[in-house]
Amino acid sequence: MALYAFVVLKYRYPLERMQQTLDRHRAYLRELLAQGKMIASGPFVPREGGALLLRVEDESEIQPILDKDPFQVERLVETTIHRWAPNIGTEGLESLAVPR
C-alpha cells in the first residue's frame, strides 16, 4: 500500500540565491514524477519555500529521495516531512502517481 508525505521546503536564502539552483532542482523533481515517486510540487506564495507531495512504498524511501534534491545537497532549504493519510477525495489519487 502506498504511503504519502507532504514535504515542506523552507528557503534558507533569498530567492536570488535559490534561482541559481532552481533548474537542477526542477530537473530532479521531473525525474521523481516520471518514476511515480512524486505527485505534485510547487512554490508557496509568497516564494519563501514550497512543497512536494510524495508517494512511496515505504517510509524509509523518503529521506534518501530528499537527500538527492539539489536544494538539499547545497543546504539551501530546511525540510519538514509530514506523513499524510488521505481519506476524502481519494478517488483517482493513485492514477496521479503513475510513472510518466
PDB file of N, CA and C in Angstrom:
ATOM      1  N   MET A   1       0.841  -1.187   0.000  1.00  0.00           N
ATOM      2  CA  MET A   1       0.000   0.000   0.000  1.00  0.00           C
ATOM      3  C   MET A   1       0.881   1.243   0.000  1.00  0.00           C
ATOM      4  N   ALA A   2       0.493   2.211  -0.786  1.00  0.00           N
ATOM      5  CA  ALA A   2       1.280   3.428  -0.916  1.00  0.00           C
ATOM      6  C   ALA A   2       1.211   4.280   0.345  1.00  0.00           C
ATOM      7  N   LEU A   3       2.309   4.955   0.609  1.00  0.00           N
ATOM      8  CA  LEU A   3       2.387   5.944   1.684  1.00  0.00           C
ATOM      9  C   LEU A   3       2.554   7.313   1.034  1.00  0.00           C
ATOM     10  N   TYR A   4       1.931   8.309   1.625  1.00  0.00           N
ATOM     11  CA  TYR A   4       2.028   9.666   1.105  1.00  0.00           C
ATOM     12  C   TYR A   4       2.707  10.554   2.135  1.00  0.00           C
ATOM     13  N   ALA A   5       3.429  11.544   1.621  1.00  0.00           N
ATOM     14  CA  ALA A   5       4.084  12.506   2.506  1.00  0.00           C
ATOM     15  C   ALA A   5       4.083  13.878   1.846  1.00  0.00           C
ATOM     16  N   PHE A   6       3.696  14.883   2.621  1.00  0.00           N
ATOM     17  CA  PHE A   6       3.901  16.265   2.215  1.00  0.00           C
ATOM     18  C   PHE A   6       5.248  16.678   2.774  1.00  0.00           C
ATOM     19  N   VAL A   7       6.073  17.223   1.931  1.00  0.00           N
ATOM     20  CA  VAL A   7       7.373  17.714   2.366  1.00  0.00           C
ATOM     21  C   VAL A   7       7.378  19.224   2.171  1.00  0.00           C
ATOM     22  N   VAL A   8       7.583  19.946   3.252  1.00  0.00           N
ATOM     23  CA  VAL A   8       7.645  21.401   3.204  1.00  0.00           C
ATOM     24  C   VAL A   8       9.108  21.803   3.126  1.00  0.00           C
ATOM     25  N   LEU A   9       9.424  22.612   2.121  1.00  0.00           N
ATOM     26  CA  LEU A   9      10.776  23.133   1.933  1.00  0.00           C
ATOM     27  C   LEU A   9      10.760  24.614   2.284  1.00  0.00           C
ATOM     28  N   LYS A  10      11.573  25.016   3.239  1.00  0.00           N
ATOM     29  CA  LYS A  10      11.670  26.427   3.625  1.00  0.00           C
ATOM     30  C   LYS A  10      13.013  26.953   3.137  1.00  0.00           C
ATOM     31  N   TYR A  11      12.960  27.987   2.295  1.00  0.00           N
ATOM     32  CA  TYR A  11      14.195  28.568   1.770  1.00  0.00           C
ATOM     33  C   TYR A  11      15.022  29.166   2.896  1.00  0.00           C
ATOM     34  N   ARG A  12      16.319  28.907   2.851  1.00  0.00           N
ATOM     35  CA  ARG A  12      17.231  29.454   3.850  1.00  0.00           C
ATOM     36  C   ARG A  12      17.913  30.725   3.357  1.00  0.00           C
ATOM     37  N   TYR A  13      17.728  31.051   2.075  1.00  0.00           N
ATOM     38  CA  TYR A  13      18.407  32.185   1.451  1.00  0.00           C
ATOM     39  C   TYR A  13      17.410  32.967   0.613  1.00  0.00           C
ATOM     40  N   PRO A  14      17.768  34.205   0.232  1.00  0.00           N
ATOM     41  CA  PRO A  14      16.890  34.994  -0.636  1.00  0.00           C
ATOM     42  C   PRO A  14      16.650  34.275  -1.976  1.00  0.00           C
ATOM     43  N   LEU A  15      15.549  34.625  -2.602  1.00  0.00           N
ATOM     44  CA  LEU A  15      15.142  33.995  -3.853  1.00  0.00           C
ATOM     45  C   LEU A  15      16.233  34.065  -4.923  1.00  0.00           C
ATOM     46  N   GLU A  16      16.985  35.149  -4.945  1.00  0.00           N
ATOM     47  CA  GLU A  16      18.046  35.290  -5.940  1.00  0.00           C
ATOM     48  C   GLU A  16      19.041  34.133  -5.840  1.00  0.00           C
ATOM     49  N   ARG A  17      19.382  33.734  -4.631  1.00  0.00           N
ATOM     50  CA  ARG A  17      20.315  32.606  -4.446  1.00  0.00           C
ATOM     51  C   ARG A  17      19.651  31.293  -4.839  1.00  0.00           C
ATOM     52  N   MET A  18      18.387  31.132  -4.511  1.00  0.00           N
ATOM     53  CA  MET A  18      17.665  29.904  -4.833  1.00  0.00           C
ATOM     54  C   MET A  18      17.580  29.698  -6.344  1.00  0.00           C
ATOM     55  N   GLN A  19      17.444  30.800  -7.087  1.00  0.00           N
ATOM     56  CA  GLN A  19      17.317  30.723  -8.549  1.00  0.00           C
ATOM     57  C   GLN A  19      18.532  30.059  -9.195  1.00  0.00           C
ATOM     58  N   GLN A  20      19.699  30.178  -8.571  1.00  0.00           N
ATOM     59  CA  GLN A  20      20.925  29.605  -9.134  1.00  0.00           C
ATOM     60  C   GLN A  20      20.859  28.080  -9.216  1.00  0.00           C
ATOM     61  N   THR A  21      20.053  27.463  -8.380  1.00  0.00           N
ATOM     62  CA  THR A  21      19.957  26.001  -8.316  1.00  0.00           C
ATOM     63  C   THR A  21      18.594  25.503  -8.789  1.00  0.00           C
ATOM     64  N   LEU A  22      17.707  26.410  -9.120  1.00  0.00           N
ATOM     65  CA  LEU A  22      16.324  26.055  -9.432  1.00  0.00           C
ATOM     66  C   LEU A  22      16.196  25.094 -10.615  1.00  0.00           C
ATOM     67  N   ASP A  23      16.952  25.303 -11.683  1.00  0.00           N
ATOM     68  CA  ASP A  23      16.838  24.413 -12.848  1.00  0.00           C
ATOM     69  C   ASP A  23      17.196  22.975 -12.490  1.00  0.00           C
ATOM     70  N   ARG A  24      18.253  22.785 -11.716  1.00  0.00           N
ATOM     71  CA  ARG A  24      18.648  21.425 -11.311  1.00  0.00           C
ATOM     72  C   ARG A  24      17.621  20.813 -10.367  1.00  0.00           C
ATOM     73  N   HIS A  25      17.079  21.625  -9.470  1.00  0.00           N
ATOM     74  CA  HIS A  25      16.027  21.170  -8.553  1.00  0.00           C
ATOM     75  C   HIS A  25      14.810  20.694  -9.351  1.00  0.00           C
ATOM     76  N   ARG A  26      14.370  21.502 -10.310  1.00  0.00           N
ATOM     77  CA  ARG A  26      13.204  21.134 -11.120  1.00  0.00           C
ATOM     78  C   ARG A  26      13.470  19.896 -11.965  1.00  0.00           C
ATOM     79  N   ALA A  27      14.670  19.764 -12.497  1.00  0.00           N
ATOM     80  CA  ALA A  27      15.007  18.567 -13.281  1.00  0.00           C
ATOM     81  C   ALA A  27      14.912  17.322 -12.408  1.00  0.00           C
ATOM     82  N   TYR A  28      15.388  17.424 -11.189  1.00  0.00           N
ATOM     83  CA  TYR A  28      15.303  16.288 -10.267  1.00  0.00           C
ATOM     84  C   TYR A  28      13.845  15.950  -9.955  1.00  0.00           C
ATOM     85  N   LEU A  29      13.027  16.970  -9.745  1.00  0.00           N
ATOM     86  CA  LEU A  29      11.615  16.729  -9.454  1.00  0.00           C
ATOM     87  C   LEU A  29      10.912  16.082 -10.645  1.00  0.00           C
ATOM     88  N   ARG A  30      11.289  16.471 -11.860  1.00  0.00           N
ATOM     89  CA  ARG A  30      10.706  15.826 -13.046  1.00  0.00           C
ATOM     90  C   ARG A  30      11.073  14.346 -13.094  1.00  0.00           C
ATOM     91  N   GLU A  31      12.290  14.000 -12.656  1.00  0.00           N
ATOM     92  CA  GLU A  31      12.683  12.588 -12.573  1.00  0.00           C
ATOM     93  C   GLU A  31      11.790  11.840 -11.580  1.00  0.00           C
ATOM     94  N   LEU A  32      11.545  12.450 -10.424  1.00  0.00           N
ATOM     95  CA  LEU A  32      10.681  11.818  -9.421  1.00  0.00           C
ATOM     96  C   LEU A  32       9.270  11.618  -9.961  1.00  0.00           C
ATOM     97  N   LEU A  33       8.773  12.603 -10.697  1.00  0.00           N
ATOM     98  CA  LEU A  33       7.447  12.499 -11.294  1.00  0.00           C
ATOM     99  C   LEU A  33       7.404  11.337 -12.287  1.00  0.00           C
ATOM    100  N   ALA A  34       8.424  11.231 -13.123  1.00  0.00           N
ATOM    101  CA  ALA A  34       8.488  10.160 -14.120  1.00  0.00           C
ATOM    102  C   ALA A  34       8.563   8.781 -13.466  1.00  0.00           C
ATOM    103  N   GLN A  35       9.176   8.710 -12.298  1.00  0.00           N
ATOM    104  CA  GLN A  35       9.302   7.443 -11.570  1.00  0.00           C
ATOM    105  C   GLN A  35       8.047   7.107 -10.764  1.00  0.00           C
ATOM    106  N   GLY A  36       7.109   8.041 -10.696  1.00  0.00           N
ATOM    107  CA  GLY A  36       5.911   7.822  -9.897  1.00  0.00           C
ATOM    108  C   GLY A  36       6.122   8.040  -8.412  1.00  0.00           C
ATOM    109  N   LYS A  37       7.238   8.657  -8.032  1.00  0.00           N
ATOM    110  CA  LYS A  37       7.542   8.902  -6.615  1.00  0.00           C
ATOM    111  C   LYS A  37       6.960  10.223  -6.118  1.00  0.00           C
ATOM    112  N   MET A  38       6.639  11.118  -7.057  1.00  0.00           N
ATOM    113  CA  MET A  38       6.091  12.415  -6.687  1.00  0.00           C
ATOM    114  C   MET A  38       4.804  12.636  -7.463  1.00  0.00           C
ATOM    115  N   ILE A  39       3.808  13.197  -6.788  1.00  0.00           N
ATOM    116  CA  ILE A  39       2.534  13.502  -7.425  1.00  0.00           C
ATOM    117  C   ILE A  39       2.494  14.953  -7.886  1.00  0.00           C
ATOM    118  N   ALA A  40       3.008  15.856  -7.060  1.00  0.00           N
ATOM    119  CA  ALA A  40       2.970  17.277  -7.396  1.00  0.00           C
ATOM    120  C   ALA A  40       4.004  18.027  -6.575  1.00  0.00           C
ATOM    121  N   SER A  41       4.348  19.218  -7.073  1.00  0.00           N
ATOM    122  CA  SER A  41       5.248  20.105  -6.333  1.00  0.00           C
ATOM    123  C   SER A  41       4.955  21.532  -6.758  1.00  0.00           C
ATOM    124  N   GLY A  42       5.424  22.471  -5.963  1.00  0.00           N
ATOM    125  CA  GLY A  42       5.269  23.861  -6.341  1.00  0.00           C
ATOM    126  C   GLY A  42       5.643  24.794  -5.208  1.00  0.00           C
ATOM    127  N   PRO A  43       5.877  26.065  -5.572  1.00  0.00           N
ATOM    128  CA  PRO A  43       6.275  27.050  -4.572  1.00  0.00           C
ATOM    129  C   PRO A  43       5.074  27.586  -3.801  1.00  0.00           C
ATOM    130  N   PHE A  44       5.367  28.105  -2.622  1.00  0.00           N
ATOM    131  CA  PHE A  44       4.367  28.837  -1.859  1.00  0.00           C
ATOM    132  C   PHE A  44       4.314  30.263  -2.394  1.00  0.00           C
ATOM    133  N   VAL A  45       3.226  30.954  -2.096  1.00  0.00           N
ATOM    134  CA  VAL A  45       3.081  32.358  -2.453  1.00  0.00           C
ATOM    135  C   VAL A  45       2.838  33.111  -1.157  1.00  0.00           C
ATOM    136  N   PRO A  46       3.756  34.016  -0.782  1.00  0.00           N
ATOM    137  CA  PRO A  46       4.965  34.419  -1.492  1.00  0.00           C
ATOM    138  C   PRO A  46       6.030  33.318  -1.500  1.00  0.00           C
ATOM    139  N   ARG A  47       7.013  33.477  -2.385  1.00  0.00           N
ATOM    140  CA  ARG A  47       8.029  32.453  -2.631  1.00  0.00           C
ATOM    141  C   ARG A  47       9.056  32.406  -1.504  1.00  0.00           C
ATOM    142  N   GLU A  48       8.667  31.768  -0.413  1.00  0.00           N
ATOM    143  CA  GLU A  48       9.560  31.579   0.734  1.00  0.00           C
ATOM    144  C   GLU A  48       9.872  30.113   0.935  1.00  0.00           C
ATOM    145  N   GLY A  49       9.410  29.293  -0.001  1.00  0.00           N
ATOM    146  CA  GLY A  49       9.582  27.853   0.083  1.00  0.00           C
ATOM    147  C   GLY A  49       8.591  27.183  -0.828  1.00  0.00           C
ATOM    148  N   GLY A  50       8.390  25.896  -0.605  1.00  0.00           N
ATOM    149  CA  GLY A  50       7.460  25.155  -1.436  1.00  0.00           C
ATOM    150  C   GLY A  50       7.123  23.831  -0.789  1.00  0.00           C
ATOM    151  N   ALA A  51       6.428  22.992  -1.547  1.00  0.00           N
ATOM    152  CA  ALA A  51       6.028  21.692  -1.019  1.00  0.00           C
ATOM    153  C   ALA A  51       6.082  20.636  -2.109  1.00  0.00           C
ATOM    154  N   LEU A  52       6.296  19.408  -1.680  1.00  0.00           N
ATOM    155  CA  LEU A  52       6.257  18.236  -2.547  1.00  0.00           C
ATOM    156  C   LEU A  52       5.224  17.283  -1.969  1.00  0.00           C
ATOM    157  N   LEU A  53       4.495  16.609  -2.829  1.00  0.00           N
ATOM    158  CA  LEU A  53       3.630  15.517  -2.405  1.00  0.00           C
ATOM    159  C   LEU A  53       4.249  14.248  -2.960  1.00  0.00           C
ATOM    160  N   LEU A  54       4.805  13.436  -2.064  1.00  0.00           N
ATOM    161  CA  LEU A  54       5.481  12.205  -2.451  1.00  0.00           C
ATOM    162  C   LEU A  54       4.574  11.008  -2.244  1.00  0.00           C
ATOM    163  N   ARG A  55       4.802   9.988  -3.074  1.00  0.00           N
ATOM    164  CA  ARG A  55       4.120   8.701  -2.941  1.00  0.00           C
ATOM    165  C   ARG A  55       5.204   7.640  -2.960  1.00  0.00           C
ATOM    166  N   VAL A  56       5.321   6.896  -1.875  1.00  0.00           N
ATOM    167  CA  VAL A  56       6.362   5.869  -1.759  1.00  0.00           C
ATOM    168  C   VAL A  56       5.738   4.576  -1.241  1.00  0.00           C
ATOM    169  N   GLU A  57       6.469   3.500  -1.367  1.00  0.00           N
ATOM    170  CA  GLU A  57       6.003   2.213  -0.855  1.00  0.00           C
ATOM    171  C   GLU A  57       6.385   2.013   0.606  1.00  0.00           C
ATOM    172  N   ASP A  58       7.458   2.685   1.034  1.00  0.00           N
ATOM    173  CA  ASP A  58       7.953   2.507   2.392  1.00  0.00           C
ATOM    174  C   ASP A  58       8.485   3.839   2.899  1.00  0.00           C
ATOM    175  N   GLU A  59       8.237   4.130   4.158  1.00  0.00           N
ATOM    176  CA  GLU A  59       8.669   5.396   4.743  1.00  0.00           C
ATOM    177  C   GLU A  59      10.178   5.602   4.639  1.00  0.00           C
ATOM    178  N   SER A  60      10.925   4.513   4.611  1.00  0.00           N
ATOM    179  CA  SER A  60      12.388   4.617   4.538  1.00  0.00           C
ATOM    180  C   SER A  60      12.866   5.197   3.205  1.00  0.00           C
ATOM    181  N   GLU A  61      11.998   5.318   2.218  1.00  0.00           N
ATOM    182  CA  GLU A  61      12.369   5.894   0.921  1.00  0.00           C
ATOM    183  C   GLU A  61      12.407   7.419   0.944  1.00  0.00           C
ATOM    184  N   ILE A  62      11.712   8.030   1.885  1.00  0.00           N
ATOM    185  CA  ILE A  62      11.526   9.477   1.845  1.00  0.00           C
ATOM    186  C   ILE A  62      12.835  10.241   1.997  1.00  0.00           C
ATOM    187  N   GLN A  63      13.592   9.984   3.047  1.00  0.00           N
ATOM    188  CA  GLN A  63      14.810  10.764   3.286  1.00  0.00           C
ATOM    189  C   GLN A  63      15.834  10.608   2.165  1.00  0.00           C
ATOM    190  N   PRO A  64      16.078   9.404   1.644  1.00  0.00           N
ATOM    191  CA  PRO A  64      17.014   9.295   0.516  1.00  0.00           C
ATOM    192  C   PRO A  64      16.572  10.098  -0.714  1.00  0.00           C
ATOM    193  N   ILE A  65      15.265  10.174  -0.951  1.00  0.00           N
ATOM    194  CA  ILE A  65      14.762  10.996  -2.058  1.00  0.00           C
ATOM    195  C   ILE A  65      15.126  12.453  -1.812  1.00  0.00           C
ATOM    196  N   LEU A  66      14.885  12.927  -0.612  1.00  0.00           N
ATOM    197  CA  LEU A  66      15.176  14.326  -0.292  1.00  0.00           C
ATOM    198  C   LEU A  66      16.667  14.613  -0.320  1.00  0.00           C
ATOM    199  N   ASP A  67      17.469  13.668   0.124  1.00  0.00           N
ATOM    200  CA  ASP A  67      18.921  13.868   0.178  1.00  0.00           C
ATOM    201  C   ASP A  67      19.539  14.091  -1.198  1.00  0.00           C
ATOM    202  N   LYS A  68      18.877  13.642  -2.258  1.00  0.00           N
ATOM    203  CA  LYS A  68      19.405  13.796  -3.623  1.00  0.00           C
ATOM    204  C   LYS A  68      18.931  15.079  -4.302  1.00  0.00           C
ATOM    205  N   ASP A  69      18.003  15.784  -3.690  1.00  0.00           N
ATOM    206  CA  ASP A  69      17.498  17.037  -4.257  1.00  0.00           C
ATOM    207  C   ASP A  69      18.618  18.080  -4.212  1.00  0.00           C
ATOM    208  N   PRO A  70      18.933  18.729  -5.342  1.00  0.00           N
ATOM    209  CA  PRO A  70      19.986  19.747  -5.339  1.00  0.00           C
ATOM    210  C   PRO A  70      19.797  20.840  -4.287  1.00  0.00           C
ATOM    211  N   PHE A  71      18.562  21.210  -3.980  1.00  0.00           N
ATOM    212  CA  PHE A  71      18.343  22.185  -2.908  1.00  0.00           C
ATOM    213  C   PHE A  71      18.869  21.654  -1.582  1.00  0.00           C
ATOM    214  N   GLN A  72      18.663  20.377  -1.329  1.00  0.00           N
ATOM    215  CA  GLN A  72      19.126  19.769  -0.076  1.00  0.00           C
ATOM    216  C   GLN A  72      20.638  19.547  -0.106  1.00  0.00           C
ATOM    217  N   VAL A  73      21.150  19.096  -1.244  1.00  0.00           N
ATOM    218  CA  VAL A  73      22.592  18.854  -1.379  1.00  0.00           C
ATOM    219  C   VAL A  73      23.373  20.125  -1.056  1.00  0.00           C
ATOM    220  N   GLU A  74      22.874  21.266  -1.534  1.00  0.00           N
ATOM    221  CA  GLU A  74      23.550  22.547  -1.301  1.00  0.00           C
ATOM    222  C   GLU A  74      23.090  23.227  -0.008  1.00  0.00           C
ATOM    223  N   ARG A  75      22.294  22.527   0.785  1.00  0.00           N
ATOM    224  CA  ARG A  75      21.808  23.032   2.074  1.00  0.00           C
ATOM    225  C   ARG A  75      21.105  24.388   1.950  1.00  0.00           C
ATOM    226  N   LEU A  76      20.271  24.489   0.921  1.00  0.00           N
ATOM    227  CA  LEU A  76      19.548  25.729   0.665  1.00  0.00           C
ATOM    228  C   LEU A  76      18.175  25.762   1.328  1.00  0.00           C
ATOM    229  N   VAL A  77      17.709  24.602   1.797  1.00  0.00           N
ATOM    230  CA  VAL A  77      16.367  24.518   2.377  1.00  0.00           C
ATOM    231  C   VAL A  77      16.385  23.760   3.693  1.00  0.00           C
ATOM    232  N   GLU A  78      15.399  24.064   4.508  1.00  0.00           N
ATOM    233  CA  GLU A  78      15.085  23.245   5.682  1.00  0.00           C
ATOM    234  C   GLU A  78      13.851  22.441   5.293  1.00  0.00           C
ATOM    235  N   THR A  79      13.860  21.153   5.574  1.00  0.00           N
ATOM    236  CA  THR A  79      12.727  20.318   5.186  1.00  0.00           C
ATOM    237  C   THR A  79      11.987  19.790   6.408  1.00  0.00           C
ATOM    238  N   THR A  80      10.685  19.717   6.266  1.00  0.00           N
ATOM    239  CA  THR A  80       9.827  19.113   7.274  1.00  0.00           C
ATOM    240  C   THR A  80       8.951  18.089   6.562  1.00  0.00           C
ATOM    241  N   ILE A  81       8.959  16.872   7.062  1.00  0.00           N
ATOM    242  CA  ILE A  81       8.192  15.786   6.456  1.00  0.00           C
ATOM    243  C   ILE A  81       6.924  15.560   7.271  1.00  0.00           C
ATOM    244  N   HIS A  82       5.800  15.536   6.579  1.00  0.00           N
ATOM    245  CA  HIS A  82       4.509  15.259   7.206  1.00  0.00           C
ATOM    246  C   HIS A  82       3.901  14.048   6.514  1.00  0.00           C
ATOM    247  N   ARG A  83       3.798  12.929   7.215  1.00  0.00           N
ATOM    248  CA  ARG A  83       3.078  11.774   6.662  1.00  0.00           C
ATOM    249  C   ARG A  83       1.631  12.181   6.474  1.00  0.00           C
ATOM    250  N   TRP A  84       1.019  11.712   5.391  1.00  0.00           N
ATOM    251  CA  TRP A  84      -0.343  12.111   5.069  1.00  0.00           C
ATOM    252  C   TRP A  84      -1.190  10.879   4.838  1.00  0.00           C
ATOM    253  N   ALA A  85      -2.360  10.852   5.427  1.00  0.00           N
ATOM    254  CA  ALA A  85      -3.284   9.724   5.290  1.00  0.00           C
ATOM    255  C   ALA A  85      -4.573  10.223   4.646  1.00  0.00           C
ATOM    256  N   PRO A  86      -4.612  10.313   3.315  1.00  0.00           N
ATOM    257  CA  PRO A  86      -5.809  10.828   2.650  1.00  0.00           C
ATOM    258  C   PRO A  86      -7.003   9.908   2.867  1.00  0.00           C
ATOM    259  N   ASN A  87      -8.171  10.510   3.109  1.00  0.00           N
ATOM    260  CA  ASN A  87      -9.368   9.685   3.281  1.00  0.00           C
ATOM    261  C   ASN A  87     -10.611  10.269   2.625  1.00  0.00           C
ATOM    262  N   ILE A  88     -10.577  11.505   2.194  1.00  0.00           N
ATOM    263  CA  ILE A  88     -11.691  12.114   1.479  1.00  0.00           C
ATOM    264  C   ILE A  88     -11.152  12.643   0.155  1.00  0.00           C
ATOM    265  N   GLY A  89     -11.848  12.356  -0.915  1.00  0.00           N
ATOM    266  CA  GLY A  89     -11.413  12.816  -2.226  1.00  0.00           C
ATOM    267  C   GLY A  89     -10.260  12.024  -2.791  1.00  0.00           C
ATOM    268  N   THR A  90     -10.147  10.779  -2.382  1.00  0.00           N
ATOM    269  CA  THR A  90      -9.006   9.969  -2.812  1.00  0.00           C
ATOM    270  C   THR A  90      -9.214   9.288  -4.159  1.00  0.00           C
ATOM    271  N   GLU A  91     -10.415   9.362  -4.712  1.00  0.00           N
ATOM    272  CA  GLU A  91     -10.657   8.737  -5.998  1.00  0.00           C
ATOM    273  C   GLU A  91      -9.681   9.301  -7.032  1.00  0.00           C
ATOM    274  N   GLY A  92      -8.976   8.436  -7.686  1.00  0.00           N
ATOM    275  CA  GLY A  92      -8.042   8.869  -8.714  1.00  0.00           C
ATOM    276  C   GLY A  92      -6.676   9.271  -8.210  1.00  0.00           C
ATOM    277  N   LEU A  93      -6.474   9.298  -6.906  1.00  0.00           N
ATOM    278  CA  LEU A  93      -5.176   9.710  -6.369  1.00  0.00           C
ATOM    279  C   LEU A  93      -4.065   8.799  -6.862  1.00  0.00           C
ATOM    280  N   GLU A  94      -4.307   7.507  -6.867  1.00  0.00           N
ATOM    281  CA  GLU A  94      -3.285   6.561  -7.327  1.00  0.00           C
ATOM    282  C   GLU A  94      -2.919   6.808  -8.786  1.00  0.00           C
ATOM    283  N   SER A  95      -3.897   7.186  -9.603  1.00  0.00           N
ATOM    284  CA  SER A  95      -3.601   7.400 -11.021  1.00  0.00           C
ATOM    285  C   SER A  95      -2.683   8.596 -11.231  1.00  0.00           C
ATOM    286  N   LEU A  96      -2.631   9.505 -10.281  1.00  0.00           N
ATOM    287  CA  LEU A  96      -1.739  10.657 -10.389  1.00  0.00           C
ATOM    288  C   LEU A  96      -0.280  10.266 -10.221  1.00  0.00           C
ATOM    289  N   ALA A  97      -0.027   9.127  -9.605  1.00  0.00           N
ATOM    290  CA  ALA A  97       1.346   8.710  -9.325  1.00  0.00           C
ATOM    291  C   ALA A  97       1.847   7.668 -10.317  1.00  0.00           C
ATOM    292  N   VAL A  98       1.167   7.538 -11.441  1.00  0.00           N
ATOM    293  CA  VAL A  98       1.611   6.586 -12.459  1.00  0.00           C
ATOM    294  C   VAL A  98       2.842   7.158 -13.138  1.00  0.00           C
ATOM    295  N   PRO A  99       3.911   6.367 -13.269  1.00  0.00           N
ATOM    296  CA  PRO A  99       5.101   6.875 -13.969  1.00  0.00           C
ATOM    297  C   PRO A  99       4.731   7.417 -15.342  1.00  0.00           C
ATOM    298  N   ARG A 100       5.309   8.548 -15.668  1.00  0.00           N
ATOM    299  CA  ARG A 100       5.019   9.216 -16.953  1.00  0.00           C
ATOM    300  C   ARG A 100       6.177   9.037 -17.898  1.00  0.00           C
TER     301      ARG A 100
END
